[in-house]
């Protein structure tokens, strides 16, 4: 699971994610505080521990959610092209 997929499970209008850049502020994009709290709770369930206050306040973008997910849980990296 990546931050975008996690967030899609927590918001009432997941279609908004189709136009939301990974570094765009979630609140400015129209997410409400309840949806962000649900995302925090889902993230805690996913990583198996409570987030500390600094981690919670850092959740402002999809990229910030990805940064808190364990390695291998974030969006897959772009394919590497051969130099040949």
PDB file of N, CA and C in Angstrom:
ATOM      1  N   UNK A   1       0.854  -1.179   0.000  1.00  0.00           N
ATOM      2  CA  UNK A   1       0.000   0.000   0.000  1.00  0.00           C
ATOM      3  C   UNK A   1       0.897   1.237   0.000  1.00  0.00           C
ATOM      4  N   UNK A   2       0.464   2.248  -0.728  1.00  0.00           N
ATOM      5  CA  UNK A   2       1.180   3.517  -0.704  1.00  0.00           C
ATOM      6  C   UNK A   2       0.283   4.587  -0.091  1.00  0.00           C
ATOM      7  N   UNK A   3       0.814   5.781   0.055  1.00  0.00           N
ATOM      8  CA  UNK A   3       0.070   6.855   0.693  1.00  0.00           C
ATOM      9  C   UNK A   3      -1.217   7.204  -0.023  1.00  0.00           C
ATOM     10  N   UNK A   4      -1.199   7.178  -1.340  1.00  0.00           N
ATOM     11  CA  UNK A   4      -2.393   7.504  -2.133  1.00  0.00           C
ATOM     12  C   UNK A   4      -3.492   6.461  -1.896  1.00  0.00           C
ATOM     13  N   UNK A   5      -3.133   5.186  -1.899  1.00  0.00           N
ATOM     14  CA  UNK A   5      -4.112   4.121  -1.672  1.00  0.00           C
ATOM     15  C   UNK A   5      -4.655   4.175  -0.247  1.00  0.00           C
ATOM     16  N   UNK A   6      -3.788   4.448   0.710  1.00  0.00           N
ATOM     17  CA  UNK A   6      -4.206   4.565   2.096  1.00  0.00           C
ATOM     18  C   UNK A   6      -5.202   5.709   2.245  1.00  0.00           C
ATOM     19  N   UNK A   7      -4.880   6.837   1.661  1.00  0.00           N
ATOM     20  CA  UNK A   7      -5.741   8.008   1.760  1.00  0.00           C
ATOM     21  C   UNK A   7      -7.087   7.774   1.079  1.00  0.00           C
ATOM     22  N   UNK A   8      -7.097   7.054  -0.018  1.00  0.00           N
ATOM     23  CA  UNK A   8      -8.336   6.774  -0.743  1.00  0.00           C
ATOM     24  C   UNK A   8      -9.335   6.019   0.130  1.00  0.00           C
ATOM     25  N   UNK A   9      -8.843   5.252   1.081  1.00  0.00           N
ATOM     26  CA  UNK A   9      -9.714   4.495   1.975  1.00  0.00           C
ATOM     27  C   UNK A   9     -10.313   5.356   3.078  1.00  0.00           C
ATOM     28  N   UNK A  10      -9.837   6.588   3.205  1.00  0.00           N
ATOM     29  CA  UNK A  10     -10.208   7.422   4.347  1.00  0.00           C
ATOM     30  C   UNK A  10     -11.027   8.652   3.991  1.00  0.00           C
ATOM     31  N   UNK A  11     -11.204   8.920   2.727  1.00  0.00           N
ATOM     32  CA  UNK A  11     -11.892  10.156   2.360  1.00  0.00           C
ATOM     33  C   UNK A  11     -13.212   9.862   1.657  1.00  0.00           C
ATOM     34  N   UNK A  12     -14.116  10.806   1.768  1.00  0.00           N
ATOM     35  CA  UNK A  12     -15.464  10.609   1.228  1.00  0.00           C
ATOM     36  C   UNK A  12     -15.515  10.746  -0.291  1.00  0.00           C
ATOM     37  N   UNK A  13     -14.559  11.440  -0.882  1.00  0.00           N
ATOM     38  CA  UNK A  13     -14.536  11.624  -2.335  1.00  0.00           C
ATOM     39  C   UNK A  13     -13.155  11.246  -2.870  1.00  0.00           C
ATOM     40  N   UNK A  14     -12.857   9.944  -2.957  1.00  0.00           N
ATOM     41  CA  UNK A  14     -11.519   9.525  -3.384  1.00  0.00           C
ATOM     42  C   UNK A  14     -11.148   9.976  -4.797  1.00  0.00           C
ATOM     43  N   UNK A  15     -12.113  10.375  -5.607  1.00  0.00           N
ATOM     44  CA  UNK A  15     -11.802  10.856  -6.956  1.00  0.00           C
ATOM     45  C   UNK A  15     -10.936  12.107  -6.922  1.00  0.00           C
ATOM     46  N   UNK A  16     -10.968  12.837  -5.811  1.00  0.00           N
ATOM     47  CA  UNK A  16     -10.127  14.029  -5.684  1.00  0.00           C
ATOM     48  C   UNK A  16      -8.647  13.678  -5.819  1.00  0.00           C
ATOM     49  N   UNK A  17      -8.297  12.444  -5.483  1.00  0.00           N
ATOM     50  CA  UNK A  17      -6.898  12.021  -5.554  1.00  0.00           C
ATOM     51  C   UNK A  17      -6.393  11.945  -6.987  1.00  0.00           C
ATOM     52  N   UNK A  18      -7.301  11.860  -7.950  1.00  0.00           N
ATOM     53  CA  UNK A  18      -6.901  11.792  -9.355  1.00  0.00           C
ATOM     54  C   UNK A  18      -6.229  13.083  -9.820  1.00  0.00           C
ATOM     55  N   UNK A  19      -6.542  14.179  -9.169  1.00  0.00           N
ATOM     56  CA  UNK A  19      -5.975  15.471  -9.566  1.00  0.00           C
ATOM     57  C   UNK A  19      -5.014  16.035  -8.527  1.00  0.00           C
ATOM     58  N   UNK A  20      -4.766  15.298  -7.474  1.00  0.00           N
ATOM     59  CA  UNK A  20      -3.931  15.773  -6.372  1.00  0.00           C
ATOM     60  C   UNK A  20      -2.493  15.309  -6.555  1.00  0.00           C
ATOM     61  N   UNK A  21      -1.567  16.257  -6.598  1.00  0.00           N
ATOM     62  CA  UNK A  21      -0.140  15.923  -6.702  1.00  0.00           C
ATOM     63  C   UNK A  21       0.349  15.397  -5.354  1.00  0.00           C
ATOM     64  N   UNK A  22       1.390  14.580  -5.379  1.00  0.00           N
ATOM     65  CA  UNK A  22       1.922  13.986  -4.151  1.00  0.00           C
ATOM     66  C   UNK A  22       2.386  15.027  -3.138  1.00  0.00           C
ATOM     67  N   UNK A  23       2.792  16.202  -3.601  1.00  0.00           N
ATOM     68  CA  UNK A  23       3.300  17.225  -2.692  1.00  0.00           C
ATOM     69  C   UNK A  23       2.306  18.357  -2.438  1.00  0.00           C
ATOM     70  N   UNK A  24       1.059  18.170  -2.848  1.00  0.00           N
ATOM     71  CA  UNK A  24       0.022  19.181  -2.648  1.00  0.00           C
ATOM     72  C   UNK A  24      -0.587  19.049  -1.258  1.00  0.00           C
ATOM     73  N   UNK A  25      -0.825  20.175  -0.606  1.00  0.00           N
ATOM     74  CA  UNK A  25      -1.378  20.187   0.742  1.00  0.00           C
ATOM     75  C   UNK A  25      -2.778  19.580   0.753  1.00  0.00           C
ATOM     76  N   UNK A  26      -2.994  18.619   1.646  1.00  0.00           N
ATOM     77  CA  UNK A  26      -4.262  17.895   1.711  1.00  0.00           C
ATOM     78  C   UNK A  26      -5.427  18.806   2.096  1.00  0.00           C
ATOM     79  N   UNK A  27      -5.205  19.688   3.049  1.00  0.00           N
ATOM     80  CA  UNK A  27      -6.289  20.582   3.481  1.00  0.00           C
ATOM     81  C   UNK A  27      -6.660  21.574   2.389  1.00  0.00           C
ATOM     82  N   UNK A  28      -5.664  22.098   1.697  1.00  0.00           N
ATOM     83  CA  UNK A  28      -5.952  23.031   0.615  1.00  0.00           C
ATOM     84  C   UNK A  28      -6.675  22.342  -0.538  1.00  0.00           C
ATOM     85  N   UNK A  29      -6.482  21.037  -0.667  1.00  0.00           N
ATOM     86  CA  UNK A  29      -7.149  20.265  -1.715  1.00  0.00           C
ATOM     87  C   UNK A  29      -8.595  19.933  -1.348  1.00  0.00           C
ATOM     88  N   UNK A  30      -8.989  20.210  -0.111  1.00  0.00           N
ATOM     89  CA  UNK A  30     -10.378  20.013   0.283  1.00  0.00           C
ATOM     90  C   UNK A  30     -10.630  18.909   1.290  1.00  0.00           C
ATOM     91  N   UNK A  31      -9.577  18.219   1.747  1.00  0.00           N
ATOM     92  CA  UNK A  31      -9.791  17.196   2.765  1.00  0.00           C
ATOM     93  C   UNK A  31     -10.080  17.876   4.100  1.00  0.00           C
ATOM     94  N   UNK A  32     -10.981  17.285   4.868  1.00  0.00           N
ATOM     95  CA  UNK A  32     -11.301  17.869   6.170  1.00  0.00           C
ATOM     96  C   UNK A  32     -10.500  17.177   7.273  1.00  0.00           C
ATOM     97  N   UNK A  33     -10.554  17.743   8.459  1.00  0.00           N
ATOM     98  CA  UNK A  33      -9.748  17.223   9.563  1.00  0.00           C
ATOM     99  C   UNK A  33     -10.133  15.797   9.936  1.00  0.00           C
ATOM    100  N   UNK A  34     -11.412  15.462   9.827  1.00  0.00           N
ATOM    101  CA  UNK A  34     -11.848  14.095  10.126  1.00  0.00           C
ATOM    102  C   UNK A  34     -11.231  13.079   9.181  1.00  0.00           C
ATOM    103  N   UNK A  35     -11.140  13.441   7.908  1.00  0.00           N
ATOM    104  CA  UNK A  35     -10.531  12.542   6.934  1.00  0.00           C
ATOM    105  C   UNK A  35      -9.033  12.370   7.201  1.00  0.00           C
ATOM    106  N   UNK A  36      -8.390  13.442   7.608  1.00  0.00           N
ATOM    107  CA  UNK A  36      -6.959  13.360   7.915  1.00  0.00           C
ATOM    108  C   UNK A  36      -6.739  12.528   9.174  1.00  0.00           C
ATOM    109  N   UNK A  37      -7.614  12.663  10.161  1.00  0.00           N
ATOM    110  CA  UNK A  37      -7.518  11.838  11.372  1.00  0.00           C
ATOM    111  C   UNK A  37      -7.696  10.362  11.013  1.00  0.00           C
ATOM    112  N   UNK A  38      -8.654  10.057  10.143  1.00  0.00           N
ATOM    113  CA  UNK A  38      -8.830   8.672   9.699  1.00  0.00           C
ATOM    114  C   UNK A  38      -7.573   8.155   9.001  1.00  0.00           C
ATOM    115  N   UNK A  39      -6.928   9.013   8.213  1.00  0.00           N
ATOM    116  CA  UNK A  39      -5.694   8.611   7.536  1.00  0.00           C
ATOM    117  C   UNK A  39      -4.597   8.327   8.554  1.00  0.00           C
ATOM    118  N   UNK A  40      -4.508   9.136   9.595  1.00  0.00           N
ATOM    119  CA  UNK A  40      -3.524   8.903  10.659  1.00  0.00           C
ATOM    120  C   UNK A  40      -3.793   7.559  11.327  1.00  0.00           C
ATOM    121  N   UNK A  41      -5.048   7.292  11.643  1.00  0.00           N
ATOM    122  CA  UNK A  41      -5.392   6.028  12.288  1.00  0.00           C
ATOM    123  C   UNK A  41      -5.091   4.840  11.384  1.00  0.00           C
ATOM    124  N   UNK A  42      -5.401   4.954  10.096  1.00  0.00           N
ATOM    125  CA  UNK A  42      -5.124   3.876   9.147  1.00  0.00           C
ATOM    126  C   UNK A  42      -3.614   3.678   9.005  1.00  0.00           C
ATOM    127  N   UNK A  43      -2.865   4.773   8.987  1.00  0.00           N
ATOM    128  CA  UNK A  43      -1.408   4.687   8.897  1.00  0.00           C
ATOM    129  C   UNK A  43      -0.836   3.989  10.123  1.00  0.00           C
ATOM    130  N   UNK A  44      -1.348   4.335  11.306  1.00  0.00           N
ATOM    131  CA  UNK A  44      -0.891   3.665  12.525  1.00  0.00           C
ATOM    132  C   UNK A  44      -1.182   2.167  12.473  1.00  0.00           C
ATOM    133  N   UNK A  45      -2.362   1.802  11.999  1.00  0.00           N
ATOM    134  CA  UNK A  45      -2.690   0.380  11.848  1.00  0.00           C
ATOM    135  C   UNK A  45      -1.742  -0.300  10.873  1.00  0.00           C
ATOM    136  N   UNK A  46      -1.427   0.382   9.790  1.00  0.00           N
ATOM    137  CA  UNK A  46      -0.565  -0.179   8.751  1.00  0.00           C
ATOM    138  C   UNK A  46       0.859  -0.396   9.252  1.00  0.00           C
ATOM    139  N   UNK A  47       1.383   0.568  10.016  1.00  0.00           N
ATOM    140  CA  UNK A  47       2.775   0.437  10.467  1.00  0.00           C
ATOM    141  C   UNK A  47       2.885  -0.273  11.818  1.00  0.00           C
ATOM    142  N   UNK A  48       1.762  -0.496  12.475  1.00  0.00           N
ATOM    143  CA  UNK A  48       1.764  -1.276  13.704  1.00  0.00           C
ATOM    144  C   UNK A  48       2.248  -0.544  14.940  1.00  0.00           C
ATOM    145  N   UNK A  49       2.129   0.774  14.923  1.00  0.00           N
ATOM    146  CA  UNK A  49       2.513   1.557  16.100  1.00  0.00           C
ATOM    147  C   UNK A  49       1.839   2.920  16.050  1.00  0.00           C
ATOM    148  N   UNK A  50       1.794   3.561  17.215  1.00  0.00           N
ATOM    149  CA  UNK A  50       1.250   4.914  17.269  1.00  0.00           C
ATOM    150  C   UNK A  50       2.266   5.901  16.717  1.00  0.00           C
ATOM    151  N   UNK A  51       1.775   6.909  16.038  1.00  0.00           N
ATOM    152  CA  UNK A  51       2.645   7.981  15.561  1.00  0.00           C
ATOM    153  C   UNK A  51       2.874   8.970  16.689  1.00  0.00           C
ATOM    154  N   UNK A  52       4.065   9.552  16.730  1.00  0.00           N
ATOM    155  CA  UNK A  52       4.298  10.594  17.736  1.00  0.00           C
ATOM    156  C   UNK A  52       3.746  11.924  17.209  1.00  0.00           C
ATOM    157  N   UNK A  53       3.719  12.938  18.069  1.00  0.00           N
ATOM    158  CA  UNK A  53       3.121  14.223  17.708  1.00  0.00           C
ATOM    159  C   UNK A  53       3.766  14.841  16.473  1.00  0.00           C
ATOM    160  N   UNK A  54       5.092  14.768  16.370  1.00  0.00           N
ATOM    161  CA  UNK A  54       5.784  15.338  15.211  1.00  0.00           C
ATOM    162  C   UNK A  54       5.389  14.618  13.925  1.00  0.00           C
ATOM    163  N   UNK A  55       5.256  13.305  13.994  1.00  0.00           N
ATOM    164  CA  UNK A  55       4.852  12.545  12.815  1.00  0.00           C
ATOM    165  C   UNK A  55       3.430  12.899  12.400  1.00  0.00           C
ATOM    166  N   UNK A  56       2.558  13.037  13.379  1.00  0.00           N
ATOM    167  CA  UNK A  56       1.166  13.377  13.070  1.00  0.00           C
ATOM    168  C   UNK A  56       1.082  14.745  12.400  1.00  0.00           C
ATOM    169  N   UNK A  57       1.778  15.728  12.942  1.00  0.00           N
ATOM    170  CA  UNK A  57       1.711  17.066  12.352  1.00  0.00           C
ATOM    171  C   UNK A  57       2.429  17.154  11.015  1.00  0.00           C
ATOM    172  N   UNK A  58       3.277  16.172  10.717  1.00  0.00           N
ATOM    173  CA  UNK A  58       3.972  16.181   9.423  1.00  0.00           C
ATOM    174  C   UNK A  58       3.090  15.680   8.291  1.00  0.00           C
ATOM    175  N   UNK A  59       1.954  15.099   8.616  1.00  0.00           N
ATOM    176  CA  UNK A  59       1.081  14.538   7.583  1.00  0.00           C
ATOM    177  C   UNK A  59       0.275  15.664   6.957  1.00  0.00           C
ATOM    178  N   UNK A  60       0.821  16.188   5.866  1.00  0.00           N
ATOM    179  CA  UNK A  60       0.172  17.281   5.155  1.00  0.00           C
ATOM    180  C   UNK A  60       0.020  16.986   3.667  1.00  0.00           C
ATOM    181  N   UNK A  61       0.698  15.957   3.180  1.00  0.00           N
ATOM    182  CA  UNK A  61       0.682  15.609   1.757  1.00  0.00           C
ATOM    183  C   UNK A  61       0.681  14.090   1.598  1.00  0.00           C
ATOM    184  N   UNK A  62       0.430  13.631   0.397  1.00  0.00           N
ATOM    185  CA  UNK A  62       0.542  12.199   0.110  1.00  0.00           C
ATOM    186  C   UNK A  62       1.988  11.758   0.301  1.00  0.00           C
ATOM    187  N   UNK A  63       2.927  12.583  -0.124  1.00  0.00           N
ATOM    188  CA  UNK A  63       4.349  12.250   0.025  1.00  0.00           C
ATOM    189  C   UNK A  63       4.729  12.083   1.490  1.00  0.00           C
ATOM    190  N   UNK A  64       4.137  12.882   2.371  1.00  0.00           N
ATOM    191  CA  UNK A  64       4.465  12.759   3.799  1.00  0.00           C
ATOM    192  C   UNK A  64       3.911  11.453   4.378  1.00  0.00           C
ATOM    193  N   UNK A  65       2.802  10.967   3.842  1.00  0.00           N
ATOM    194  CA  UNK A  65       2.280   9.663   4.259  1.00  0.00           C
ATOM    195  C   UNK A  65       3.223   8.572   3.759  1.00  0.00           C
ATOM    196  N   UNK A  66       3.628   8.669   2.491  1.00  0.00           N
ATOM    197  CA  UNK A  66       4.575   7.698   1.937  1.00  0.00           C
ATOM    198  C   UNK A  66       5.849   7.620   2.768  1.00  0.00           C
ATOM    199  N   UNK A  67       6.328   8.769   3.248  1.00  0.00           N
ATOM    200  CA  UNK A  67       7.575   8.810   4.011  1.00  0.00           C
ATOM    201  C   UNK A  67       7.469   8.051   5.331  1.00  0.00           C
ATOM    202  N   UNK A  68       6.274   7.919   5.863  1.00  0.00           N
ATOM    203  CA  UNK A  68       6.083   7.222   7.129  1.00  0.00           C
ATOM    204  C   UNK A  68       5.810   5.729   6.956  1.00  0.00           C
ATOM    205  N   UNK A  69       5.522   5.322   5.736  1.00  0.00           N
ATOM    206  CA  UNK A  69       5.283   3.901   5.482  1.00  0.00           C
ATOM    207  C   UNK A  69       6.606   3.151   5.474  1.00  0.00           C
ATOM    208  N   UNK A  70       6.588   1.898   5.909  1.00  0.00           N
ATOM    209  CA  UNK A  70       7.819   1.106   5.891  1.00  0.00           C
ATOM    210  C   UNK A  70       8.369   0.981   4.471  1.00  0.00           C
ATOM    211  N   UNK A  71       9.661   0.784   4.381  1.00  0.00           N
ATOM    212  CA  UNK A  71      10.295   0.581   3.084  1.00  0.00           C
ATOM    213  C   UNK A  71       9.574  -0.535   2.352  1.00  0.00           C
ATOM    214  N   UNK A  72       9.320  -0.302   1.085  1.00  0.00           N
ATOM    215  CA  UNK A  72       8.604  -1.299   0.299  1.00  0.00           C
ATOM    216  C   UNK A  72       7.107  -1.074   0.286  1.00  0.00           C
ATOM    217  N   UNK A  73       6.598  -0.179   1.123  1.00  0.00           N
ATOM    218  CA  UNK A  73       5.166   0.095   1.151  1.00  0.00           C
ATOM    219  C   UNK A  73       4.801   1.311   0.302  1.00  0.00           C
ATOM    220  N   UNK A  74       5.757   2.194   0.057  1.00  0.00           N
ATOM    221  CA  UNK A  74       5.475   3.395  -0.720  1.00  0.00           C
ATOM    222  C   UNK A  74       5.302   3.024  -2.189  1.00  0.00           C
ATOM    223  N   UNK A  75       4.942   4.009  -2.966  1.00  0.00           N
ATOM    224  CA  UNK A  75       4.761   3.774  -4.400  1.00  0.00           C
ATOM    225  C   UNK A  75       6.028   3.192  -4.993  1.00  0.00           C
ATOM    226  N   UNK A  76       5.897   2.275  -5.938  1.00  0.00           N
ATOM    227  CA  UNK A  76       7.090   1.669  -6.525  1.00  0.00           C
ATOM    228  C   UNK A  76       7.920   2.713  -7.260  1.00  0.00           C
ATOM    229  N   UNK A  77       9.240   2.543  -7.262  1.00  0.00           N
ATOM    230  CA  UNK A  77      10.097   3.511  -7.958  1.00  0.00           C
ATOM    231  C   UNK A  77       9.896   3.400  -9.462  1.00  0.00           C
ATOM    232  N   UNK A  78      10.287   4.464 -10.148  1.00  0.00           N
ATOM    233  CA  UNK A  78      10.204   4.468 -11.608  1.00  0.00           C
ATOM    234  C   UNK A  78      11.151   3.418 -12.157  1.00  0.00           C
ATOM    235  N   UNK A  79      10.791   2.790 -13.271  1.00  0.00           N
ATOM    236  CA  UNK A  79      11.682   1.768 -13.851  1.00  0.00           C
ATOM    237  C   UNK A  79      13.028   2.363 -14.241  1.00  0.00           C
ATOM    238  N   UNK A  80      14.067   1.555 -14.086  1.00  0.00           N
ATOM    239  CA  UNK A  80      15.416   1.968 -14.452  1.00  0.00           C
ATOM    240  C   UNK A  80      15.628   1.617 -15.913  1.00  0.00           C
ATOM    241  N   UNK A  81      16.142   2.568 -16.668  1.00  0.00           N
ATOM    242  CA  UNK A  81      16.384   2.321 -18.081  1.00  0.00           C
ATOM    243  C   UNK A  81      17.824   1.878 -18.266  1.00  0.00           C
ATOM    244  N   UNK A  82      18.031   0.939 -19.180  1.00  0.00           N
ATOM    245  CA  UNK A  82      19.391   0.488 -19.504  1.00  0.00           C
ATOM    246  C   UNK A  82      20.154   1.598 -20.187  1.00  0.00           C
ATOM    247  N   UNK A  83      21.436   1.710 -19.871  1.00  0.00           N
ATOM    248  CA  UNK A  83      22.281   2.719 -20.482  1.00  0.00           C
ATOM    249  C   UNK A  83      22.717   2.309 -21.883  1.00  0.00           C
ATOM    250  N   UNK A  84      22.501   1.050 -22.242  1.00  0.00           N
ATOM    251  CA  UNK A  84      22.971   0.552 -23.553  1.00  0.00           C
ATOM    252  C   UNK A  84      22.180   1.081 -24.692  1.00  0.00           C
TER     253      UNK A  84
END
